[in-house]
Amino acid sequence: MSNEPINPEQTPESSAQPIEQTPVERMASSAYTQAGQAADSLRRGELTQNSQVDPLADSDDRLIAMLSYVTQLVLPVIMPIIVLLSESSKKRPFQRYHAVQSLALVVVFWGIFILASIAIGIIQIVPILGVLIGIFAFLCISPLYFLGGIALMLYYGYQAYKGRRFAIPGLTSFLRDQGWL
């Protein structure tokens, strides 16, 4: 052994090349960044980003795009799936863009609702406090959540009917990263 002091800057760990992230770590890092950007947008009151009128969208495209959002209120996922499976979907990028976006939005909406329901169910194990939280969630939070979802679907449907191609904060960038848009 030598009596030379070890320089912490020259340890074998620091001289090694940077560790490459796994695909899951890259996706998680990207999702974290996108969630921060989405939260900043929502704090500023922006429900859409990069909203531009698509000059190639005709009246049929705009109507189908609007129906992709609005029909989610009555029959979730049916209209976007019909649009995506149709042959004209490949020729009409405006319709496809809004069908994918509305399908992803409703999947996120119901996913959050199911996870919150499971969490509230677990909390209700606590004798008195759990029951009070369950009643509060059922009577106050759930109606507000669904009214907010209805308002968002109507708003996004209206924007699509105006011929706008817009980005939903956080969701659209995730869909682009996955190659779905």
Protein backbone atom coordinates (compact mmCIF):
# COMPACT_ATOMS: atom_id res chain seq x y z
CA MET A 1 0.00 0.00 0.00
CA SER A 2 1.15 3.47 -0.72
CA ASN A 3 0.87 6.35 1.65
CA GLU A 4 -0.37 8.71 -1.03
CA PRO A 5 -3.60 10.44 -0.16
CA ILE A 6 -6.52 9.43 -2.33
CA ASN A 7 -7.84 12.26 -4.39
CA PRO A 8 -11.65 12.02 -4.36
CA GLU A 9 -11.76 13.47 -7.87
CA GLN A 10 -9.78 10.52 -9.23
CA THR A 11 -11.74 7.64 -7.81
CA PRO A 12 -12.55 4.79 -10.19
CA GLU A 13 -16.24 5.74 -10.09
CA SER A 14 -15.59 9.26 -11.41
CA SER A 15 -13.27 8.11 -14.17
CA ALA A 16 -15.87 5.71 -15.51
CA GLN A 17 -18.09 6.82 -18.37
CA PRO A 18 -21.55 8.06 -17.52
CA ILE A 19 -24.08 5.34 -17.00
CA GLU A 20 -26.60 5.12 -19.79
CA GLN A 21 -30.22 5.29 -18.71
CA THR A 22 -32.56 2.42 -19.36
CA PRO A 23 -35.61 3.06 -21.55
CA VAL A 24 -37.83 3.13 -18.46
CA GLU A 25 -35.57 5.69 -16.77
CA ARG A 26 -35.56 7.86 -19.91
CA MET A 27 -39.35 7.68 -20.12
CA ALA A 28 -39.71 8.52 -16.41
CA SER A 29 -37.32 11.45 -16.75
CA SER A 30 -39.19 12.72 -19.80
CA ALA A 31 -42.55 12.31 -18.04
CA TYR A 32 -41.21 14.22 -15.03
CA THR A 33 -40.08 17.11 -17.22
CA GLN A 34 -43.36 17.15 -19.14
CA ALA A 35 -45.40 17.05 -15.94
CA GLY A 36 -43.53 20.10 -14.68
CA GLN A 37 -44.17 21.97 -17.92
CA ALA A 38 -47.84 20.97 -17.86
CA ALA A 39 -48.20 22.11 -14.25
CA ASP A 40 -46.65 25.48 -15.14
CA SER A 41 -49.06 25.86 -18.07
CA LEU A 42 -52.07 24.98 -15.95
CA ARG A 43 -50.96 27.42 -13.24
CA ARG A 44 -50.99 30.14 -15.87
CA GLY A 45 -54.52 29.07 -16.82
CA GLU A 46 -53.60 27.62 -20.21
CA LEU A 47 -55.77 24.67 -21.23
CA THR A 48 -54.08 24.46 -24.61
CA GLN A 49 -50.62 25.17 -25.96
CA ASN A 50 -49.43 25.96 -29.49
CA SER A 51 -52.99 26.47 -30.74
CA GLN A 52 -52.98 27.06 -34.50
CA VAL A 53 -55.69 26.91 -37.13
CA ASP A 54 -55.01 24.02 -39.51
CA PRO A 55 -55.62 25.35 -43.05
CA LEU A 56 -56.00 21.82 -44.46
CA ALA A 57 -58.89 20.89 -42.14
CA ASP A 58 -62.20 21.02 -43.99
CA SER A 59 -65.65 21.08 -42.38
CA ASP A 60 -65.87 17.27 -42.24
CA ASP A 61 -62.51 17.04 -40.50
CA ARG A 62 -63.55 19.65 -37.96
CA LEU A 63 -66.87 17.91 -37.26
CA ILE A 64 -65.24 14.49 -36.76
CA ALA A 65 -62.56 16.03 -34.54
CA MET A 66 -65.22 17.72 -32.41
CA LEU A 67 -67.22 14.50 -32.14
CA SER A 68 -64.09 12.67 -30.99
CA TYR A 69 -64.14 14.83 -27.85
CA VAL A 70 -67.84 15.43 -27.28
CA THR A 71 -68.97 11.81 -27.68
CA GLN A 72 -66.62 10.86 -24.84
CA LEU A 73 -69.32 12.23 -22.53
CA VAL A 74 -71.87 9.63 -23.66
CA LEU A 75 -69.93 6.69 -25.10
CA PRO A 76 -66.29 6.86 -24.02
CA VAL A 77 -63.62 5.65 -26.49
CA ILE A 78 -66.07 4.55 -29.22
CA MET A 79 -65.79 7.50 -31.63
CA PRO A 80 -61.99 7.88 -31.48
CA ILE A 81 -61.55 4.15 -32.08
CA ILE A 82 -63.91 4.29 -35.07
CA VAL A 83 -61.94 7.24 -36.46
CA LEU A 84 -58.60 5.50 -35.91
CA LEU A 85 -59.75 2.24 -37.49
CA SER A 86 -61.29 3.89 -40.55
CA GLU A 87 -59.42 3.98 -43.85
CA SER A 88 -59.82 7.75 -44.15
CA SER A 89 -57.85 8.21 -40.92
CA LYS A 90 -54.60 7.71 -42.81
CA LYS A 91 -55.54 10.44 -45.30
CA ARG A 92 -56.88 12.90 -42.75
CA PRO A 93 -54.18 13.80 -40.19
CA PHE A 94 -56.39 16.41 -38.48
CA GLN A 95 -59.00 13.78 -37.59
CA ARG A 96 -56.36 11.30 -36.48
CA TYR A 97 -54.57 13.88 -34.33
CA HIS A 98 -57.72 14.77 -32.40
CA ALA A 99 -58.92 11.16 -32.17
CA VAL A 100 -55.64 10.04 -30.57
CA GLN A 101 -55.59 13.05 -28.27
CA SER A 102 -59.21 12.59 -27.09
CA LEU A 103 -58.71 8.86 -26.58
CA ALA A 104 -55.62 9.48 -24.46
CA LEU A 105 -57.43 12.20 -22.51
CA VAL A 106 -60.33 9.95 -21.59
CA VAL A 107 -57.97 7.09 -20.64
CA VAL A 108 -56.06 9.45 -18.32
CA PHE A 109 -59.34 10.82 -16.92
CA TRP A 110 -60.71 7.35 -16.07
CA GLY A 111 -57.31 6.12 -14.85
CA ILE A 112 -57.13 8.96 -12.33
CA PHE A 113 -60.71 8.29 -11.25
CA ILE A 114 -60.04 4.56 -10.70
CA LEU A 115 -56.82 5.21 -8.75
CA ALA A 116 -58.55 7.83 -6.59
CA SER A 117 -61.43 5.41 -5.93
CA ILE A 118 -59.00 2.71 -4.82
CA ALA A 119 -57.18 5.18 -2.56
CA ILE A 120 -60.44 6.36 -0.99
CA GLY A 121 -61.51 2.76 -0.50
CA ILE A 122 -58.27 2.05 1.35
CA ILE A 123 -58.64 5.19 3.47
CA GLN A 124 -62.15 4.12 4.47
CA ILE A 125 -60.65 1.31 6.54
CA VAL A 126 -59.96 3.95 9.21
CA PRO A 127 -63.11 3.88 11.39
CA ILE A 128 -64.52 7.42 11.63
CA LEU A 129 -62.13 9.58 9.62
CA GLY A 130 -62.23 7.19 6.66
CA VAL A 131 -66.01 7.30 6.46
CA LEU A 132 -65.99 11.10 6.59
CA ILE A 133 -63.38 11.31 3.84
CA GLY A 134 -65.38 8.84 1.73
CA ILE A 135 -68.58 10.85 2.11
CA PHE A 136 -66.74 14.09 1.31
CA ALA A 137 -65.14 12.56 -1.77
CA PHE A 138 -68.43 11.10 -2.99
CA LEU A 139 -70.54 14.21 -2.43
CA CYS A 140 -68.05 16.99 -3.20
CA ILE A 141 -64.97 15.93 -5.11
CA SER A 142 -66.46 13.40 -7.56
CA PRO A 143 -69.12 15.76 -8.98
CA LEU A 144 -66.53 18.52 -9.39
CA TYR A 145 -64.15 16.10 -11.11
CA PHE A 146 -66.81 14.97 -13.56
CA LEU A 147 -68.08 18.51 -14.22
CA GLY A 148 -64.51 19.57 -14.91
CA GLY A 149 -64.08 16.64 -17.29
CA ILE A 150 -67.29 17.54 -19.11
CA ALA A 151 -66.20 21.18 -19.40
CA LEU A 152 -62.77 20.15 -20.76
CA MET A 153 -64.26 17.79 -23.36
CA LEU A 154 -66.69 20.47 -24.52
CA TYR A 155 -63.94 23.10 -24.64
CA TYR A 156 -61.55 20.87 -26.58
CA GLY A 157 -64.37 19.82 -28.91
CA TYR A 158 -65.17 23.47 -29.59
CA GLN A 159 -61.51 24.26 -30.28
CA ALA A 160 -61.30 21.30 -32.67
CA TYR A 161 -64.47 22.44 -34.44
CA LYS A 162 -62.87 25.84 -34.97
CA GLY A 163 -60.16 23.99 -36.90
CA ARG A 164 -57.45 24.38 -34.28
CA ARG A 165 -54.66 21.91 -33.78
CA PHE A 166 -53.61 22.36 -30.17
CA ALA A 167 -51.50 20.65 -27.54
CA ILE A 168 -52.97 19.58 -24.22
CA PRO A 169 -50.32 20.41 -21.59
CA GLY A 170 -48.30 17.30 -20.72
CA LEU A 171 -50.46 14.83 -22.63
CA THR A 172 -49.65 15.84 -26.20
CA SER A 173 -45.88 15.91 -25.62
CA PHE A 174 -46.11 12.41 -24.08
CA LEU A 175 -48.08 11.18 -27.11
CA ARG A 176 -45.47 12.67 -29.45
CA ASP A 177 -42.62 11.04 -27.51
CA GLN A 178 -44.33 7.67 -27.87
CA GLY A 179 -44.78 8.22 -31.62
CA TRP A 180 -48.57 8.18 -31.47
CA LEU A 181 -48.96 11.68 -32.89
